[in-house]
């Protein structure tokens, strides 16, 4: 396993330093499994943005969206869809504070939404492991029900977009659960490359990655009985962290202890994000197919921070990401791991 990178310097005469010579270092990094490219320049975090960050009181946004929110307890029964009987006899799947129901405007054949809490808004430090655990187990119930109805629908996804900068259209904390007939392109690549690695080395890439990163210590954050937490070497977003499961390949086989360990790990990362000034993020899973347990693959998840919610902000995805599939990053993975490691 190789962690490839090339450091190149761009020389310029900077008006910020009386036009004296300056060299900006750019790290060209390559993902050790997929070969995907990231470019890291931490100096970009300090660049001038015409949409400057300001201290924002979110109470106006929160209160303005609370009235009539479909996901709040007083509205959820009457204003959200119901599952057909073959998916859920009770119309919706409920566990603790979590309620799952069909997405009113789906982009998949099987596409559900699940609330995480009865509260309309929670700060990143206010989420609890119990909220996440209940939601994960309710989501597993949905995934299994879909598969029992349609065995061709076997690739599940559990996705958490938090606040509008992450593309969440509703403030109320919620996740999305999709079950597709075929793997999404990035998942297909991960499955294929993992199988190729196994064929070459006779070992599971993901478990090798845990051992390698733990040995190096640079990006290793921590672990528990069920999973390891690592800052991605070649991230696709700022402050990216990976959760890599041990002995688990797909979401349908997620046991309560594994879900609990995952929930506690997410909560720790969210609290780190809060300390870093983050309030918006994307969290996604990469699951193998239901009923398939390939030796070469491990279930994993990734979380990235997104721009802080405020009236005007600079988007963190531009032409390089959208059109060239190259990820321009402002946070050094090794720095992120060093800051987060103490909480584990």
Foldseek 3Di string as FASTA:
>chain_A
DDWDKDKDWDWWQDPVVVRDIDIFIWIWTAAPQQRFTAIETQVVVVDDDPQDDDDDDCPVVLVVQPVPACLAPVRVVPRAFFDPCLQPVVRWQDFDQKIKHADPDDPAPGKIKIAQHNDQADFLLPRDLVSQLRRLVSLLSNQVSVCVVPVLQWWKKKKWWADPLSVDPGNGGMIMMHTHNDDDPVLVSVVVSLVVVCVVPVAAPLVVVQVVCVVVVQFWQAADPFWGKGQGSRDQAELKIKTWTDPAAFSNPQDSVNSSRVSVVSSLVSVLCVVVVFGTKMKMKNHDTPPDDDRRHTIMMMMHTFDHDDPDDDGLDDCCVPPVSYHYYNHHSSVSSVSSNVSD
